[in-house]
């Protein structure tokens, strides 16, 4: 099920401009989540919510303020006060879900214990799940189909929503099969950018992916052309980040 098909479904009830924005932001949410770019995921979640709230407001005949005066919380209150002729799913339930993940996107990681799991990763995980639910409910509302059918549409759009990069404590895992040790090293350093890492620590992280120490050591040696090194450790240069983007692009094309 393509994004274009879902767009056509939603356009039956909601304005093209904001439907298009919401779906584009949702796609960006998925891509950033799979890449392990937690902060970018949450930023796109915020944009997704704003587009969805504009869809709901226009549907309920609420006049949108100018962009600089647009506030999700205010729109949510206006929707709650809208005529009861409008379905509760668009007046109450979806706006409440939007407020929940919008608050997370605006306060990323501020209230969590970071000892074991990256708080941004937890926030991104719950946000993408709620964003998927919001889209599924909008499709159900627009088509009159049962919830299961709507969920299947969203699963097709979002593909696999597990992250390709996972951070647990100070341990980085690349959840992609068939990568070379050098590619694993590049993706690890891209995930922690702009932080630096000692070469021995990077070798240890590569070993965690099933490589022997010698292979991991050789791989890091082959990465030096895209590395800046000082007393604090290694940092990925622009060429390395570009290479990481190319690796991810090739992977996403195969999904």
C-alpha atoms as a PDB file:
ATOM      1  CA  UNK A   1       0.000   0.000   0.000  1.00  0.00           C
ATOM      2  CA  UNK A   2       1.661   3.213  -1.183  1.00  0.00           C
ATOM      3  CA  UNK A   3       1.735   6.602   0.491  1.00  0.00           C
ATOM      4  CA  UNK A   4      -0.114   7.983  -2.548  1.00  0.00           C
ATOM      5  CA  UNK A   5      -3.016   5.586  -1.954  1.00  0.00           C
ATOM      6  CA  UNK A   6      -3.274   6.588   1.703  1.00  0.00           C
ATOM      7  CA  UNK A   7      -3.102  10.244   0.677  1.00  0.00           C
ATOM      8  CA  UNK A   8      -6.075   9.764  -1.651  1.00  0.00           C
ATOM      9  CA  UNK A   9      -8.052   8.096   1.150  1.00  0.00           C
ATOM     10  CA  UNK A  10      -7.446  10.945   3.591  1.00  0.00           C
ATOM     11  CA  UNK A  11      -8.119  13.649   0.999  1.00  0.00           C
ATOM     12  CA  UNK A  12     -11.737  12.517   1.002  1.00  0.00           C
ATOM     13  CA  UNK A  13     -12.127  14.156   4.413  1.00  0.00           C
ATOM     14  CA  UNK A  14      -9.157  16.437   4.936  1.00  0.00           C
ATOM     15  CA  UNK A  15      -7.313  19.153   2.943  1.00  0.00           C
ATOM     16  CA  UNK A  16      -4.633  17.963   0.514  1.00  0.00           C
ATOM     17  CA  UNK A  17      -1.986  20.423   1.694  1.00  0.00           C
ATOM     18  CA  UNK A  18      -1.966  19.258   5.306  1.00  0.00           C
ATOM     19  CA  UNK A  19      -2.545  15.590   4.487  1.00  0.00           C
ATOM     20  CA  UNK A  20       0.497  15.703   2.218  1.00  0.00           C
ATOM     21  CA  UNK A  21       2.582  17.371   4.936  1.00  0.00           C
ATOM     22  CA  UNK A  22       1.477  14.865   7.576  1.00  0.00           C
ATOM     23  CA  UNK A  23       2.383  11.856   5.416  1.00  0.00           C
ATOM     24  CA  UNK A  24       5.744  13.327   4.411  1.00  0.00           C
ATOM     25  CA  UNK A  25       6.567  14.021   8.056  1.00  0.00           C
ATOM     26  CA  UNK A  26       5.446  10.512   9.027  1.00  0.00           C
ATOM     27  CA  UNK A  27       7.770   9.002   6.425  1.00  0.00           C
ATOM     28  CA  UNK A  28      10.614  11.120   7.820  1.00  0.00           C
ATOM     29  CA  UNK A  29       9.741   9.911  11.329  1.00  0.00           C
ATOM     30  CA  UNK A  30      10.073   6.283  10.205  1.00  0.00           C
ATOM     31  CA  UNK A  31      13.350   6.827   8.349  1.00  0.00           C
ATOM     32  CA  UNK A  32      14.970   8.716  11.219  1.00  0.00           C
ATOM     33  CA  UNK A  33      13.769   6.136  13.727  1.00  0.00           C
ATOM     34  CA  UNK A  34      15.254   3.291  11.709  1.00  0.00           C
ATOM     35  CA  UNK A  35      18.545   5.179  11.474  1.00  0.00           C
ATOM     36  CA  UNK A  36      18.618   5.708  15.221  1.00  0.00           C
ATOM     37  CA  UNK A  37      18.408   9.504  14.842  1.00  0.00           C
ATOM     38  CA  UNK A  38      16.260   9.950  17.943  1.00  0.00           C
ATOM     39  CA  UNK A  39      16.222  13.745  18.132  1.00  0.00           C
ATOM     40  CA  UNK A  40      15.412  14.052  14.428  1.00  0.00           C
ATOM     41  CA  UNK A  41      12.649  11.477  14.911  1.00  0.00           C
ATOM     42  CA  UNK A  42      11.101  13.566  17.666  1.00  0.00           C
ATOM     43  CA  UNK A  43      11.438  16.790  15.695  1.00  0.00           C
ATOM     44  CA  UNK A  44       9.558  15.213  12.781  1.00  0.00           C
ATOM     45  CA  UNK A  45       6.930  13.874  15.195  1.00  0.00           C
ATOM     46  CA  UNK A  46       6.276  17.472  16.246  1.00  0.00           C
ATOM     47  CA  UNK A  47       5.842  18.518  12.606  1.00  0.00           C
ATOM     48  CA  UNK A  48       3.576  15.523  11.997  1.00  0.00           C
ATOM     49  CA  UNK A  49       1.352  16.529  14.913  1.00  0.00           C
ATOM     50  CA  UNK A  50       1.071  20.121  13.697  1.00  0.00           C
ATOM     51  CA  UNK A  51      -0.049  18.934  10.254  1.00  0.00           C
ATOM     52  CA  UNK A  52      -2.592  16.512  11.736  1.00  0.00           C
ATOM     53  CA  UNK A  53      -4.049  19.184  14.020  1.00  0.00           C
ATOM     54  CA  UNK A  54      -4.461  21.511  11.045  1.00  0.00           C
ATOM     55  CA  UNK A  55      -6.349  18.738   9.228  1.00  0.00           C
ATOM     56  CA  UNK A  56      -8.680  18.266  12.191  1.00  0.00           C
ATOM     57  CA  UNK A  57      -9.239  21.988  12.724  1.00  0.00           C
ATOM     58  CA  UNK A  58     -10.207  22.616   9.110  1.00  0.00           C
ATOM     59  CA  UNK A  59     -12.490  19.566   9.111  1.00  0.00           C
ATOM     60  CA  UNK A  60     -14.288  20.970  12.183  1.00  0.00           C
ATOM     61  CA  UNK A  61     -14.549  24.455  10.614  1.00  0.00           C
ATOM     62  CA  UNK A  62     -12.088  26.018  13.027  1.00  0.00           C
ATOM     63  CA  UNK A  63     -10.240  28.985  11.536  1.00  0.00           C
ATOM     64  CA  UNK A  64      -6.481  28.489  11.684  1.00  0.00           C
ATOM     65  CA  UNK A  65      -4.375  31.360  13.017  1.00  0.00           C
ATOM     66  CA  UNK A  66      -1.299  32.618  11.216  1.00  0.00           C
ATOM     67  CA  UNK A  67       1.641  30.209  11.332  1.00  0.00           C
ATOM     68  CA  UNK A  68       3.521  32.198  13.970  1.00  0.00           C
ATOM     69  CA  UNK A  69       0.465  32.106  16.255  1.00  0.00           C
ATOM     70  CA  UNK A  70      -0.309  28.416  15.737  1.00  0.00           C
ATOM     71  CA  UNK A  71      -0.291  26.445  18.995  1.00  0.00           C
ATOM     72  CA  UNK A  72      -1.205  22.781  19.211  1.00  0.00           C
ATOM     73  CA  UNK A  73      -2.643  23.158  22.714  1.00  0.00           C
ATOM     74  CA  UNK A  74      -4.955  25.987  21.665  1.00  0.00           C
ATOM     75  CA  UNK A  75      -6.206  24.040  18.650  1.00  0.00           C
ATOM     76  CA  UNK A  76      -6.853  21.021  20.894  1.00  0.00           C
ATOM     77  CA  UNK A  77      -9.018  23.151  23.198  1.00  0.00           C
ATOM     78  CA  UNK A  78     -10.906  24.589  20.225  1.00  0.00           C
ATOM     79  CA  UNK A  79     -11.545  21.073  18.909  1.00  0.00           C
ATOM     80  CA  UNK A  80     -12.831  19.969  22.307  1.00  0.00           C
ATOM     81  CA  UNK A  81     -15.290  22.875  22.232  1.00  0.00           C
ATOM     82  CA  UNK A  82     -16.400  22.175  18.650  1.00  0.00           C
ATOM     83  CA  UNK A  83     -19.920  21.031  17.881  1.00  0.00           C
ATOM     84  CA  UNK A  84     -20.803  17.501  18.948  1.00  0.00           C
ATOM     85  CA  UNK A  85     -21.911  16.868  15.367  1.00  0.00           C
ATOM     86  CA  UNK A  86     -18.262  16.046  14.726  1.00  0.00           C
ATOM     87  CA  UNK A  87     -17.093  12.572  15.695  1.00  0.00           C
ATOM     88  CA  UNK A  88     -15.279  12.253  19.027  1.00  0.00           C
ATOM     89  CA  UNK A  89     -12.331  10.651  17.242  1.00  0.00           C
ATOM     90  CA  UNK A  90     -11.506  13.967  15.543  1.00  0.00           C
ATOM     91  CA  UNK A  91     -12.613  16.274  18.375  1.00  0.00           C
ATOM     92  CA  UNK A  92     -11.160  14.455  21.376  1.00  0.00           C
ATOM     93  CA  UNK A  93      -9.272  11.187  20.940  1.00  0.00           C
ATOM     94  CA  UNK A  94      -6.807  12.035  18.175  1.00  0.00           C
ATOM     95  CA  UNK A  95      -6.104  15.531  19.615  1.00  0.00           C
ATOM     96  CA  UNK A  96      -5.284  13.970  23.010  1.00  0.00           C
ATOM     97  CA  UNK A  97      -2.927  11.497  21.356  1.00  0.00           C
ATOM     98  CA  UNK A  98      -1.342  14.368  19.448  1.00  0.00           C
ATOM     99  CA  UNK A  99      -0.838  16.380  22.638  1.00  0.00           C
ATOM    100  CA  UNK A 100       0.835  13.385  24.280  1.00  0.00           C
ATOM    101  CA  UNK A 101       3.526  12.890  21.633  1.00  0.00           C
ATOM    102  CA  UNK A 102       3.851  16.637  20.996  1.00  0.00           C
ATOM    103  CA  UNK A 103       4.773  17.091  24.654  1.00  0.00           C
ATOM    104  CA  UNK A 104       7.357  14.323  24.310  1.00  0.00           C
ATOM    105  CA  UNK A 105       8.838  15.903  21.182  1.00  0.00           C
ATOM    106  CA  UNK A 106       9.110  19.238  22.988  1.00  0.00           C
ATOM    107  CA  UNK A 107      10.679  17.806  26.156  1.00  0.00           C
ATOM    108  CA  UNK A 108      12.877  15.039  24.749  1.00  0.00           C
ATOM    109  CA  UNK A 109      14.530  12.929  27.403  1.00  0.00           C
ATOM    110  CA  UNK A 110      14.185  15.436  30.223  1.00  0.00           C
ATOM    111  CA  UNK A 111      12.393  13.143  32.662  1.00  0.00           C
ATOM    112  CA  UNK A 112      14.156   9.799  32.234  1.00  0.00           C
ATOM    113  CA  UNK A 113      16.907   7.816  33.926  1.00  0.00           C
ATOM    114  CA  UNK A 114      19.595   7.530  31.207  1.00  0.00           C
ATOM    115  CA  UNK A 115      21.633   4.744  32.866  1.00  0.00           C
ATOM    116  CA  UNK A 116      20.584   1.871  30.612  1.00  0.00           C
ATOM    117  CA  UNK A 117      18.435   3.024  27.690  1.00  0.00           C
ATOM    118  CA  UNK A 118      18.867   6.239  25.756  1.00  0.00           C
ATOM    119  CA  UNK A 119      15.836   8.317  26.891  1.00  0.00           C
ATOM    120  CA  UNK A 120      15.445   9.763  23.421  1.00  0.00           C
ATOM    121  CA  UNK A 121      15.193   6.203  22.074  1.00  0.00           C
ATOM    122  CA  UNK A 122      12.327   5.450  24.479  1.00  0.00           C
ATOM    123  CA  UNK A 123      10.573   8.690  23.551  1.00  0.00           C
ATOM    124  CA  UNK A 124      11.011   8.017  19.839  1.00  0.00           C
ATOM    125  CA  UNK A 125       9.667   4.474  20.211  1.00  0.00           C
ATOM    126  CA  UNK A 126       6.436   5.474  21.911  1.00  0.00           C
ATOM    127  CA  UNK A 127       6.011   8.473  19.601  1.00  0.00           C
ATOM    128  CA  UNK A 128       6.195   6.457  16.380  1.00  0.00           C
ATOM    129  CA  UNK A 129       3.698   3.940  17.780  1.00  0.00           C
ATOM    130  CA  UNK A 130       1.202   6.679  18.690  1.00  0.00           C
ATOM    131  CA  UNK A 131       1.745   8.447  15.359  1.00  0.00           C
ATOM    132  CA  UNK A 132       0.951   5.152  13.601  1.00  0.00           C
ATOM    133  CA  UNK A 133      -2.234   4.815  15.671  1.00  0.00           C
ATOM    134  CA  UNK A 134      -3.262   8.369  14.761  1.00  0.00           C
ATOM    135  CA  UNK A 135      -2.894   7.665  11.045  1.00  0.00           C
ATOM    136  CA  UNK A 136      -4.712   4.345  11.363  1.00  0.00           C
ATOM    137  CA  UNK A 137      -7.642   6.048  13.093  1.00  0.00           C
ATOM    138  CA  UNK A 138      -7.782   8.778  10.442  1.00  0.00           C
ATOM    139  CA  UNK A 139      -7.907   6.110   7.725  1.00  0.00           C
ATOM    140  CA  UNK A 140     -10.611   4.195   9.595  1.00  0.00           C
ATOM    141  CA  UNK A 141     -12.600   7.406  10.007  1.00  0.00           C
ATOM    142  CA  UNK A 142     -12.154   8.331   6.340  1.00  0.00           C
ATOM    143  CA  UNK A 143     -13.111   4.928   4.934  1.00  0.00           C
ATOM    144  CA  UNK A 144     -15.471   3.488   7.538  1.00  0.00           C
ATOM    145  CA  UNK A 145     -13.411   0.294   7.529  1.00  0.00           C
ATOM    146  CA  UNK A 146     -12.658  -1.653  10.689  1.00  0.00           C
ATOM    147  CA  UNK A 147      -9.594  -0.839  12.780  1.00  0.00           C
ATOM    148  CA  UNK A 148      -7.709  -3.954  11.636  1.00  0.00           C
ATOM    149  CA  UNK A 149      -7.857  -2.896   7.986  1.00  0.00           C
ATOM    150  CA  UNK A 150      -6.562   0.571   8.874  1.00  0.00           C
ATOM    151  CA  UNK A 151      -3.683  -0.858  10.903  1.00  0.00           C
ATOM    152  CA  UNK A 152      -2.635  -3.034   7.958  1.00  0.00           C
ATOM    153  CA  UNK A 153      -2.487   0.064   5.757  1.00  0.00           C
ATOM    154  CA  UNK A 154      -0.225   1.861   8.221  1.00  0.00           C
ATOM    155  CA  UNK A 155       2.016  -1.171   8.665  1.00  0.00           C
ATOM    156  CA  UNK A 156       2.517  -1.164   4.907  1.00  0.00           C
ATOM    157  CA  UNK A 157       3.377   2.545   4.964  1.00  0.00           C
ATOM    158  CA  UNK A 158       5.730   2.414   7.942  1.00  0.00           C
ATOM    159  CA  UNK A 159       7.404  -0.887   7.004  1.00  0.00           C
ATOM    160  CA  UNK A 160       9.410  -2.321   9.906  1.00  0.00           C
ATOM    161  CA  UNK A 161       9.428   0.191  12.733  1.00  0.00           C
ATOM    162  CA  UNK A 162      12.350  -1.251  14.676  1.00  0.00           C
ATOM    163  CA  UNK A 163      15.529   0.845  14.765  1.00  0.00           C
ATOM    164  CA  UNK A 164      18.519  -0.030  12.640  1.00  0.00           C
ATOM    165  CA  UNK A 165      20.692   1.620  15.271  1.00  0.00           C
ATOM    166  CA  UNK A 166      20.184   0.818  18.934  1.00  0.00           C
ATOM    167  CA  UNK A 167      21.871   2.465  21.934  1.00  0.00           C
ATOM    168  CA  UNK A 168      21.787   0.762  25.321  1.00  0.00           C
ATOM    169  CA  UNK A 169      23.859   2.614  27.866  1.00  0.00           C
ATOM    170  CA  UNK A 170      27.174   3.282  26.107  1.00  0.00           C
ATOM    171  CA  UNK A 171      26.768   0.265  23.828  1.00  0.00           C
ATOM    172  CA  UNK A 172      25.823   0.877  20.195  1.00  0.00           C
ATOM    173  CA  UNK A 173      24.340  -1.905  18.074  1.00  0.00           C
ATOM    174  CA  UNK A 174      23.772  -1.829  14.317  1.00  0.00           C
ATOM    175  CA  UNK A 175      20.752  -4.049  13.610  1.00  0.00           C
ATOM    176  CA  UNK A 176      21.595  -4.740   9.981  1.00  0.00           C
ATOM    177  CA  UNK A 177      22.719  -8.113   8.725  1.00  0.00           C
ATOM    178  CA  UNK A 178      25.586  -8.613   6.290  1.00  0.00           C
ATOM    179  CA  UNK A 179      27.522  -5.428   7.087  1.00  0.00           C
ATOM    180  CA  UNK A 180      31.318  -5.395   6.870  1.00  0.00           C
ATOM    181  CA  UNK A 181      33.284  -4.536  10.010  1.00  0.00           C
ATOM    182  CA  UNK A 182      34.264  -1.197   8.460  1.00  0.00           C
ATOM    183  CA  UNK A 183      30.639  -0.320   7.665  1.00  0.00           C
ATOM    184  CA  UNK A 184      29.658  -1.226  11.222  1.00  0.00           C
ATOM    185  CA  UNK A 185      32.353   1.132  12.496  1.00  0.00           C
ATOM    186  CA  UNK A 186      31.185   3.956  10.218  1.00  0.00           C
ATOM    187  CA  UNK A 187      27.552   3.542  11.314  1.00  0.00           C
ATOM    188  CA  UNK A 188      28.493   3.421  15.000  1.00  0.00           C
ATOM    189  CA  UNK A 189      30.464   6.648  14.707  1.00  0.00           C
ATOM    190  CA  UNK A 190      27.660   8.267  12.732  1.00  0.00           C
ATOM    191  CA  UNK A 191      25.212   7.267  15.485  1.00  0.00           C
ATOM    192  CA  UNK A 192      27.262   8.917  18.234  1.00  0.00           C
ATOM    193  CA  UNK A 193      28.205  12.016  16.199  1.00  0.00           C
ATOM    194  CA  UNK A 194      29.280  14.646  17.279  1.00  0.00           C
ATOM    195  CA  UNK A 195      30.714  12.756  20.252  1.00  0.00           C
ATOM    196  CA  UNK A 196      34.201  11.317  20.072  1.00  0.00           C
ATOM    197  CA  UNK A 197      35.221   7.751  20.855  1.00  0.00           C
ATOM    198  CA  UNK A 198      38.531   6.084  21.644  1.00  0.00           C
ATOM    199  CA  UNK A 199      39.703   3.657  18.980  1.00  0.00           C
ATOM    200  CA  UNK A 200      39.859   0.744  21.450  1.00  0.00           C
ATOM    201  CA  UNK A 201      36.273   1.416  22.499  1.00  0.00           C
ATOM    202  CA  UNK A 202      35.189   1.409  18.851  1.00  0.00           C
ATOM    203  CA  UNK A 203      37.009  -1.887  18.286  1.00  0.00           C
ATOM    204  CA  UNK A 204      35.177  -3.386  21.278  1.00  0.00           C
ATOM    205  CA  UNK A 205      31.816  -2.244  19.859  1.00  0.00           C
ATOM    206  CA  UNK A 206      32.605  -3.769  16.458  1.00  0.00           C
ATOM    207  CA  UNK A 207      33.564  -7.051  18.176  1.00  0.00           C
ATOM    208  CA  UNK A 208      30.080  -7.101  19.782  1.00  0.00           C
ATOM    209  CA  UNK A 209      28.718  -7.525  16.247  1.00  0.00           C
ATOM    210  CA  UNK A 210      30.404 -10.917  15.843  1.00  0.00           C
ATOM    211  CA  UNK A 211      33.780  -9.909  14.444  1.00  0.00           C
ATOM    212  CA  UNK A 212      37.177 -11.087  15.666  1.00  0.00           C
ATOM    213  CA  UNK A 213      39.475  -8.524  17.299  1.00  0.00           C
ATOM    214  CA  UNK A 214      41.898  -8.609  14.380  1.00  0.00           C
ATOM    215  CA  UNK A 215      39.106  -7.923  11.850  1.00  0.00           C
ATOM    216  CA  UNK A 216      37.776  -5.071  13.998  1.00  0.00           C
ATOM    217  CA  UNK A 217      41.263  -3.586  14.346  1.00  0.00           C
ATOM    218  CA  UNK A 218      41.882  -3.735  10.583  1.00  0.00           C
ATOM    219  CA  UNK A 219      38.469  -2.161   9.940  1.00  0.00           C
ATOM    220  CA  UNK A 220      39.225   0.820  12.170  1.00  0.00           C
ATOM    221  CA  UNK A 221      42.589   1.227  10.446  1.00  0.00           C
ATOM    222  CA  UNK A 222      40.712   1.439   7.119  1.00  0.00           C
ATOM    223  CA  UNK A 223      38.440   4.158   8.530  1.00  0.00           C
ATOM    224  CA  UNK A 224      41.208   6.694   9.160  1.00  0.00           C
ATOM    225  CA  UNK A 225      40.605   8.552   5.888  1.00  0.00           C
ATOM    226  CA  UNK A 226      37.225   9.738   7.203  1.00  0.00           C
ATOM    227  CA  UNK A 227      38.255  10.328  10.826  1.00  0.00           C
ATOM    228  CA  UNK A 228      39.428  13.352  12.794  1.00  0.00           C
ATOM    229  CA  UNK A 229      41.646  12.291  15.673  1.00  0.00           C
ATOM    230  CA  UNK A 230      42.809  14.159  18.772  1.00  0.00           C
ATOM    231  CA  UNK A 231      43.645  13.305  22.375  1.00  0.00           C
ATOM    232  CA  UNK A 232      39.950  12.827  23.206  1.00  0.00           C
ATOM    233  CA  UNK A 233      39.459  10.201  20.499  1.00  0.00           C
ATOM    234  CA  UNK A 234      37.968   9.819  17.039  1.00  0.00           C
ATOM    235  CA  UNK A 235      35.223  11.863  15.415  1.00  0.00           C
ATOM    236  CA  UNK A 236      33.568  11.133  12.054  1.00  0.00           C
ATOM    237  CA  UNK A 237      34.275  13.741   9.359  1.00  0.00           C
ATOM    238  CA  UNK A 238      31.833  14.911   6.724  1.00  0.00           C
ATOM    239  CA  UNK A 239      32.998  12.289   4.231  1.00  0.00           C
ATOM    240  CA  UNK A 240      32.239   9.581   6.783  1.00  0.00           C
ATOM    241  CA  UNK A 241      28.762  10.945   7.501  1.00  0.00           C
ATOM    242  CA  UNK A 242      28.094  11.085   3.771  1.00  0.00           C
ATOM    243  CA  UNK A 243      29.181   7.443   3.489  1.00  0.00           C
ATOM    244  CA  UNK A 244      26.848   6.514   6.362  1.00  0.00           C
ATOM    245  CA  UNK A 245      23.948   8.188   4.539  1.00  0.00           C
ATOM    246  CA  UNK A 246      24.755   6.213   1.396  1.00  0.00           C
ATOM    247  CA  UNK A 247      24.817   2.955   3.382  1.00  0.00           C
ATOM    248  CA  UNK A 248      21.410   3.718   4.908  1.00  0.00           C
ATOM    249  CA  UNK A 249      19.978   4.799   1.553  1.00  0.00           C
ATOM    250  CA  UNK A 250      20.982   1.496  -0.034  1.00  0.00           C
ATOM    251  CA  UNK A 251      19.458  -0.420   2.882  1.00  0.00           C
ATOM    252  CA  UNK A 252      16.156   1.491   2.790  1.00  0.00           C
ATOM    253  CA  UNK A 253      15.872   0.854  -0.948  1.00  0.00           C
ATOM    254  CA  UNK A 254      15.849  -2.880  -0.249  1.00  0.00           C
ATOM    255  CA  UNK A 255      13.092  -2.769   2.425  1.00  0.00           C
END
